[in-house]
Amino acid sequence: MSLRYGIIGCGRIAPNHIAAAIANKLEIVALCDLEEEKLTNIEETFNLDKKIKKYTDYKKMIEDETFDLIAICTESGKHGEIALYCIDNGINLIIEKPITLSLEEADEIIKKSKEKNIKVSVCHQNRFNKSIMKIREAIEANRFGRLLYGTAHIRWNRGKDYYTQAPWRGTWEQDGGALMNQCIHNIDLLRWMMGDEIIEVIGMTDRLKHDYIEAEDLGIALVKFGNGSYGIIEGTTNIYPKNLEETLYIFGDKATVKAGGKSVNLIEEWLFNDQIDDPEEVKNEYCEHPPTVYGYGHTPLYADVIDAIVNDRPPYISAEDGRKALELVLAIYKSAITGEKVKLPLEGGSTMEYIGRFDR
């Protein structure tokens, strides 16, 4: 028997979720969005069964139907409220990144889901890229030796057309800027690869081109990790004339690795002191060429969450993982506005603290 599935939010990223649900043979029970046109578009795009219910009120949907799993794909500022309502109703979740825009909400999601044994996974799907899984395997096998530093570069383009598609984009209340929206995937990967624990962060952010949004279009940060290694983050939506690259470098005293492509979907450098695998073979085998920067990771992420529900285990990408990525972005924001180093862990904080940040 397949699990009963619904989705809340049928915008830009929803097709990836629906495709993953279909690929994993979930029983799609209902769709929800405030705009009926988006519901119709999803229904027609995937030729869904007309028996699938369509709602504009997620609470009504949950009241009417029973679900084993719901995906939350709304604007980021609504994630926390919806997630907590679903958890209170005993529903397992996949939450689009970022988990929320508030550490307090993220902590409440973690706390309540543990109390009720609800599985919550945050959609940092690039962890399932073939390239990233191969690098992670080498990290866990200690093939890098001592980790020295890593860098995450997100050099993308977003223009006015993108932001006017949805009025919440680029706002502090519902989205945040380039670091929180476009760059958080690679920020998550950098933190994960470099040992997770962070001592301190120093960051700078600015809004150089997009004067019609509230938040940043450029963010740069230095990170000191708990294991003595360092990180460099560079993220922007200002690249002319289109997306250039998303790259992740990991440097150890026994290895150098670079994942590149539009969304860290290729291994471009693979140099190890142990020489146990052929670099060219690794580059050829662990590469993908997805049609968009979203990659192919949603389908394996869904497979993992389904298995976690069925076998009552934690998902591979947890709510705690989502909180860590959120915390790092908020630490950069805090450092940028104070001009000082920020120590981690952060006890609280949200994007709402930065309303008016770039007002002239």
Protein backbone atom coordinates (compact mmCIF):
# COMPACT_ATOMS: atom_id res chain seq x y z
CA MET A 1 0.00 0.00 0.00
CA SER A 2 1.41 3.37 -1.01
CA LEU A 3 1.53 6.33 1.35
CA ARG A 4 -1.09 9.06 1.08
CA TYR A 5 0.52 12.32 -0.09
CA GLY A 6 -0.39 15.96 -0.47
CA ILE A 7 1.40 19.17 -1.39
CA ILE A 8 0.89 22.68 -0.03
CA GLY A 9 2.16 25.31 -2.45
CA CYS A 10 2.09 24.68 -6.20
CA GLY A 11 4.51 27.29 -7.51
CA ARG A 12 7.91 27.14 -9.23
CA ILE A 13 9.39 24.15 -7.35
CA ALA A 14 6.20 22.07 -7.03
CA PRO A 15 6.64 20.13 -10.31
CA ASN A 16 9.87 18.62 -8.97
CA HIS A 17 8.00 17.39 -5.91
CA ILE A 18 5.06 16.01 -7.86
CA ALA A 19 7.41 14.22 -10.25
CA ALA A 20 9.27 12.72 -7.28
CA ALA A 21 5.99 11.65 -5.67
CA ILE A 22 4.90 9.93 -8.87
CA ALA A 23 8.30 8.27 -9.35
CA ASN A 24 8.05 6.88 -5.81
CA LYS A 25 4.47 5.67 -6.34
CA LEU A 26 2.91 7.84 -3.65
CA GLU A 27 -0.86 8.13 -3.69
CA ILE A 28 -1.45 11.81 -4.47
CA VAL A 29 -4.57 12.71 -2.48
CA ALA A 30 -4.76 16.51 -2.70
CA LEU A 31 -3.11 19.70 -3.91
CA CYS A 32 -3.28 23.07 -2.17
CA ASP A 33 -2.47 26.60 -3.28
CA LEU A 34 -4.01 30.02 -2.77
CA GLU A 35 -4.21 30.43 -6.57
CA GLU A 36 -6.54 28.01 -8.33
CA GLU A 37 -4.70 28.53 -11.63
CA LYS A 38 -1.58 26.94 -10.16
CA LEU A 39 -3.58 23.92 -9.04
CA THR A 40 -4.96 23.51 -12.55
CA ASN A 41 -1.49 23.87 -14.08
CA ILE A 42 -0.10 21.07 -11.91
CA GLU A 43 -3.11 18.87 -12.65
CA GLU A 44 -2.75 19.37 -16.41
CA THR A 45 1.06 19.19 -16.52
CA PHE A 46 1.07 15.76 -14.89
CA ASN A 47 -2.29 14.57 -16.23
CA LEU A 48 -3.37 13.82 -12.68
CA ASP A 49 -6.46 11.84 -11.79
CA LYS A 50 -9.48 14.15 -11.61
CA LYS A 51 -10.37 12.52 -8.28
CA ILE A 52 -7.42 14.31 -6.66
CA LYS A 53 -8.88 17.10 -4.54
CA LYS A 54 -7.83 20.73 -4.96
CA TYR A 55 -7.83 23.19 -2.07
CA THR A 56 -7.02 26.83 -1.44
CA ASP A 57 -6.98 26.36 2.37
CA TYR A 58 -4.44 23.90 3.79
CA LYS A 59 -6.30 23.55 7.10
CA LYS A 60 -9.46 22.56 5.25
CA MET A 61 -7.45 20.06 3.20
CA ILE A 62 -6.04 18.44 6.34
CA GLU A 63 -9.47 18.45 7.98
CA ASP A 64 -11.05 16.68 4.99
CA GLU A 65 -8.35 14.15 4.08
CA THR A 66 -5.86 11.82 5.75
CA PHE A 67 -2.16 12.01 4.87
CA ASP A 68 0.99 10.07 5.62
CA LEU A 69 3.22 12.70 4.03
CA ILE A 70 2.87 16.33 2.98
CA ALA A 71 5.35 18.52 1.11
CA ILE A 72 5.42 22.21 2.07
CA CYS A 73 6.42 24.30 -0.95
CA THR A 74 5.01 27.70 -0.08
CA GLU A 75 6.95 30.93 0.40
CA SER A 76 9.60 30.39 3.08
CA GLY A 77 7.99 32.67 5.66
CA LYS A 78 4.96 30.36 5.85
CA HIS A 79 6.92 27.12 6.36
CA GLY A 80 6.96 27.23 10.16
CA GLU A 81 3.27 27.89 10.70
CA ILE A 82 2.20 25.20 8.22
CA ALA A 83 4.75 22.65 9.45
CA LEU A 84 3.66 22.99 13.08
CA TYR A 85 0.00 22.59 12.09
CA CYS A 86 0.83 19.42 10.11
CA ILE A 87 2.90 17.99 12.98
CA ASP A 88 0.05 18.66 15.41
CA ASN A 89 -2.11 16.59 13.05
CA GLY A 90 0.35 13.70 12.96
CA ILE A 91 1.60 14.20 9.39
CA ASN A 92 5.16 13.51 8.24
CA LEU A 93 6.78 16.31 6.25
CA ILE A 94 9.14 17.29 3.49
CA ILE A 95 9.80 21.03 3.84
CA GLU A 96 11.33 23.00 0.98
CA LYS A 97 14.46 24.87 1.96
CA PRO A 98 14.95 26.85 4.11
CA ILE A 99 13.21 25.01 6.94
CA THR A 100 11.84 28.37 8.15
CA LEU A 101 13.10 31.95 8.38
CA SER A 102 13.22 31.81 12.19
CA LEU A 103 15.40 29.71 14.47
CA GLU A 104 12.67 29.75 17.12
CA GLU A 105 10.23 28.17 14.65
CA ALA A 106 12.85 25.65 13.52
CA ASP A 107 13.47 24.66 17.15
CA GLU A 108 9.74 24.23 17.72
CA ILE A 109 9.47 22.01 14.63
CA ILE A 110 12.34 19.84 15.90
CA LYS A 111 10.91 19.64 19.42
CA LYS A 112 7.34 18.82 18.43
CA SER A 113 8.29 16.32 15.73
CA LYS A 114 10.44 14.40 18.22
CA GLU A 115 7.66 14.39 20.81
CA LYS A 116 5.18 12.98 18.28
CA ASN A 117 7.65 10.78 16.35
CA ILE A 118 6.92 12.67 13.14
CA LYS A 119 9.50 12.44 10.34
CA VAL A 120 10.58 15.85 9.05
CA SER A 121 13.04 16.22 6.18
CA VAL A 122 14.24 19.51 4.71
CA CYS A 123 14.69 19.61 0.95
CA HIS A 124 18.44 20.08 0.57
CA GLN A 125 18.27 17.69 -2.36
CA ASN A 126 21.78 18.39 -3.68
CA ARG A 127 23.08 16.07 -0.96
CA PHE A 128 21.78 13.31 -3.25
CA ASN A 129 23.77 14.46 -6.30
CA LYS A 130 26.08 11.66 -7.48
CA SER A 131 29.04 14.05 -7.22
CA ILE A 132 28.18 15.10 -3.67
CA MET A 133 27.56 11.55 -2.48
CA LYS A 134 30.98 10.52 -3.82
CA ILE A 135 32.67 13.43 -2.00
CA ARG A 136 30.80 12.63 1.19
CA GLU A 137 31.93 9.01 0.97
CA ALA A 138 35.54 10.23 0.82
CA ILE A 139 34.97 12.57 3.79
CA GLU A 140 33.54 9.73 5.89
CA ALA A 141 36.45 7.47 4.91
CA ASN A 142 38.87 10.20 6.10
CA ARG A 143 40.54 10.26 2.69
CA PHE A 144 41.09 14.04 2.89
CA GLY A 145 43.33 13.72 5.94
CA ARG A 146 43.19 16.93 7.90
CA LEU A 147 40.52 19.26 6.49
CA LEU A 148 42.09 22.66 5.80
CA TYR A 149 39.36 24.73 4.16
CA GLY A 150 36.41 24.62 1.84
CA THR A 151 34.71 27.16 -0.39
CA ALA A 152 31.17 27.52 -1.72
CA HIS A 153 30.60 29.75 -4.74
CA ILE A 154 27.11 30.44 -6.09
CA ARG A 155 27.35 32.68 -9.15
CA TRP A 156 23.85 32.94 -10.50
CA ASN A 157 21.56 35.41 -12.23
CA ARG A 158 18.10 36.50 -11.15
CA GLY A 159 16.40 39.42 -12.89
CA LYS A 160 13.29 41.48 -12.37
CA ASP A 161 11.11 38.94 -14.18
CA TYR A 162 11.96 36.33 -11.54
CA TYR A 163 11.09 38.59 -8.61
CA THR A 164 7.86 39.93 -10.10
CA GLN A 165 6.51 36.38 -10.61
CA ALA A 166 5.73 36.33 -6.89
CA PRO A 167 5.56 39.42 -4.66
CA TRP A 168 7.07 37.63 -1.65
CA ARG A 169 10.42 37.05 -3.36
CA GLY A 170 13.27 39.08 -1.96
CA THR A 171 11.27 40.21 1.09
CA TRP A 172 12.59 39.81 4.63
CA GLU A 173 9.24 38.53 5.89
CA GLN A 174 8.78 35.72 3.37
CA ASP A 175 12.08 34.98 1.63
CA GLY A 176 15.34 36.69 2.56
CA GLY A 177 17.92 37.37 -0.13
CA ALA A 178 20.38 35.48 -2.31
CA LEU A 179 22.04 33.66 0.59
CA MET A 180 18.79 32.41 2.08
CA ASN A 181 17.08 31.46 -1.16
CA GLN A 182 19.50 30.64 -3.96
CA CYS A 183 22.69 29.92 -1.99
CA ILE A 184 21.48 27.92 1.01
CA HIS A 185 21.91 24.58 -0.81
CA ASN A 186 25.64 25.05 -1.23
CA ILE A 187 25.96 26.66 2.20
CA ASP A 188 24.38 23.49 3.60
CA LEU A 189 26.87 21.33 1.70
CA LEU A 190 29.89 23.33 2.88
CA ARG A 191 28.87 23.13 6.53
CA TRP A 192 28.06 19.41 6.24
CA MET A 193 31.35 18.54 4.55
CA MET A 194 33.49 20.58 6.92
CA GLY A 195 32.25 18.92 10.10
CA ASP A 196 29.06 20.87 10.93
CA GLU A 197 30.33 22.58 14.11
CA ILE A 198 31.05 26.30 13.64
CA ILE A 199 32.98 28.53 16.04
CA GLU A 200 32.44 31.94 14.43
CA VAL A 201 31.39 33.73 11.24
CA ILE A 202 32.20 37.09 9.73
CA GLY A 203 30.13 38.29 6.78
CA MET A 204 29.28 41.13 4.46
CA THR A 205 26.11 41.55 2.43
CA ASP A 206 24.88 44.17 -0.01
CA ARG A 207 22.16 44.94 -2.50
CA LEU A 208 24.08 46.07 -5.56
CA LYS A 209 21.64 45.71 -8.49
CA HIS A 210 18.17 44.70 -7.33
CA ASP A 211 16.83 47.91 -5.82
CA TYR A 212 13.28 46.54 -6.14
CA ILE A 213 13.81 43.84 -3.48
CA GLU A 214 14.34 44.26 0.26
CA ALA A 215 17.16 41.77 0.85
CA GLU A 216 20.71 41.16 -0.40
CA ASP A 217 21.86 40.13 -3.86
CA LEU A 218 25.45 39.57 -2.71
CA GLY A 219 26.81 37.80 0.36
CA ILE A 220 30.41 36.99 1.30
CA ALA A 221 31.51 35.24 4.49
CA LEU A 222 34.43 33.63 6.30
CA VAL A 223 33.69 30.69 8.59
CA LYS A 224 35.83 29.08 11.28
CA PHE A 225 34.82 25.48 11.89
CA GLY A 226 35.13 23.56 15.13
CA ASN A 227 37.72 21.15 13.71
CA GLY A 228 40.13 24.01 12.96
CA SER A 229 39.29 24.28 9.26
CA TYR A 230 37.93 27.34 7.50
CA GLY A 231 35.25 28.14 4.96
CA ILE A 232 34.65 30.83 2.36
CA ILE A 233 31.17 31.59 1.06
CA GLU A 234 30.44 33.75 -1.98
CA GLY A 235 26.88 34.00 -3.22
CA THR A 236 25.20 36.35 -5.66
CA THR A 237 22.34 36.71 -8.11
CA ASN A 238 24.15 39.47 -10.05
CA ILE A 239 26.08 37.40 -12.61
CA TYR A 240 25.79 38.66 -16.21
CA PRO A 241 24.01 37.46 -18.29
CA LYS A 242 22.85 34.11 -16.83
CA ASN A 243 23.66 31.46 -14.21
CA LEU A 244 27.39 30.76 -14.36
CA GLU A 245 28.19 28.08 -11.79
CA GLU A 246 27.71 26.60 -8.36
CA THR A 247 30.97 25.14 -7.11
CA LEU A 248 32.19 23.46 -3.95
CA TYR A 249 35.89 23.04 -3.18
CA ILE A 250 37.19 20.85 -0.35
CA PHE A 251 40.90 21.05 0.49
CA GLY A 252 42.60 18.62 2.87
CA ASP A 253 46.27 17.91 3.44
CA LYS A 254 45.83 14.70 1.42
CA ALA A 255 43.22 15.70 -1.17
CA THR A 256 41.77 18.40 -3.40
CA VAL A 257 38.23 18.11 -4.77
CA LYS A 258 36.05 20.43 -6.82
CA ALA A 259 32.37 19.87 -7.56
CA GLY A 260 31.09 22.20 -10.25
CA GLY A 261 28.53 22.66 -12.98
CA LYS A 262 25.36 24.71 -12.64
CA SER A 263 24.44 22.98 -9.37
CA VAL A 264 27.47 21.02 -8.06
CA ASN A 265 26.45 18.16 -10.34
CA LEU A 266 29.92 17.44 -11.77
CA ILE A 267 33.24 16.41 -10.23
CA GLU A 268 35.83 18.62 -11.91
CA GLU A 269 38.88 17.88 -9.72
CA TRP A 270 39.59 14.62 -7.86
CA LEU A 271 43.13 14.46 -6.49
CA PHE A 272 43.92 12.11 -3.60
CA ASN A 273 47.20 11.13 -2.03
CA ASP A 274 46.02 7.51 -1.67
CA GLN A 275 45.39 7.19 -5.45
CA ILE A 276 42.89 4.39 -4.88
CA ASP A 277 40.66 5.51 -7.75
CA ASP A 278 41.32 6.95 -11.17
CA PRO A 279 40.40 10.68 -11.31
CA GLU A 280 39.12 10.54 -14.89
CA GLU A 281 36.94 7.52 -14.15
CA VAL A 282 35.48 9.28 -11.10
CA LYS A 283 34.75 12.43 -13.14
CA ASN A 284 33.01 10.38 -15.83
CA GLU A 285 31.00 8.17 -13.49
CA TYR A 286 29.85 10.72 -10.91
CA CYS A 287 28.42 13.39 -13.19
CA GLU A 288 24.89 14.44 -14.03
CA HIS A 289 23.48 16.93 -16.51
CA PRO A 290 20.07 18.01 -15.16
CA PRO A 291 17.94 20.39 -17.24
CA THR A 292 17.69 22.93 -14.39
CA VAL A 293 19.68 23.96 -11.30
CA TYR A 294 17.23 21.93 -9.19
CA GLY A 295 19.01 18.74 -10.26
CA TYR A 296 17.76 15.18 -9.85
CA GLY A 297 17.83 15.01 -6.05
CA HIS A 298 14.13 15.24 -5.26
CA THR A 299 13.35 11.66 -6.29
CA PRO A 300 16.00 10.00 -4.06
CA LEU A 301 15.13 12.40 -1.24
CA TYR A 302 11.49 11.26 -1.44
CA ALA A 303 12.61 7.62 -1.54
CA ASP A 304 14.62 8.16 1.63
CA VAL A 305 11.75 9.86 3.49
CA ILE A 306 9.32 7.11 2.49
CA ASP A 307 11.76 4.50 3.80
CA ALA A 308 12.21 6.50 7.01
CA ILE A 309 8.44 6.52 7.56
CA VAL A 310 8.00 2.82 6.77
CA ASN A 311 10.98 1.70 8.88
CA ASP A 312 10.62 4.30 11.64
CA ARG A 313 14.08 5.81 11.34
CA PRO A 314 15.37 9.38 10.98
CA PRO A 315 15.47 10.73 7.41
CA TYR A 316 18.90 11.21 5.84
CA ILE A 317 18.35 14.99 5.77
CA SER A 318 16.71 15.99 9.03
CA ALA A 319 15.03 19.06 10.49
CA GLU A 320 18.23 19.58 12.50
CA ASP A 321 20.18 19.72 9.23
CA GLY A 322 17.78 22.36 7.95
CA ARG A 323 18.26 24.37 11.13
CA LYS A 324 22.06 24.31 10.73
CA ALA A 325 21.87 25.78 7.22
CA LEU A 326 19.41 28.44 8.41
CA GLU A 327 21.62 29.28 11.39
CA LEU A 328 24.67 29.88 9.22
CA VAL A 329 22.81 32.27 6.89
CA LEU A 330 21.37 34.18 9.86
CA ALA A 331 24.85 34.39 11.40
CA ILE A 332 26.15 35.98 8.17
CA TYR A 333 23.25 38.46 8.20
CA LYS A 334 23.97 39.34 11.83
CA SER A 335 27.68 39.84 11.22
CA ALA A 336 27.01 41.96 8.14
CA ILE A 337 24.81 44.41 10.02
CA THR A 338 26.94 44.59 13.19
CA GLY A 339 30.33 44.54 11.47
CA GLU A 340 31.54 42.04 14.07
CA LYS A 341 32.35 38.35 14.30
CA VAL A 342 29.34 36.25 15.33
CA LYS A 343 29.83 33.27 17.62
CA LEU A 344 27.81 30.10 17.13
CA PRO A 345 25.57 28.46 18.17
CA LEU A 346 22.83 31.07 17.83
CA GLU A 347 20.00 30.75 20.33
CA GLY A 348 17.49 32.57 18.15
CA GLY A 349 17.03 35.01 15.29
CA SER A 350 15.06 35.54 12.11
CA THR A 351 15.08 37.50 8.87
CA MET A 352 12.50 39.87 10.38
CA GLU A 353 15.34 41.53 12.30
CA TYR A 354 16.68 42.94 9.02
CA ILE A 355 13.63 44.79 7.69
CA GLY A 356 14.88 48.13 6.37
CA ARG A 357 18.47 46.84 6.12
CA PHE A 358 19.18 48.39 2.70
CA ASP A 359 16.78 51.34 2.80
CA ARG A 360 18.52 54.44 1.53
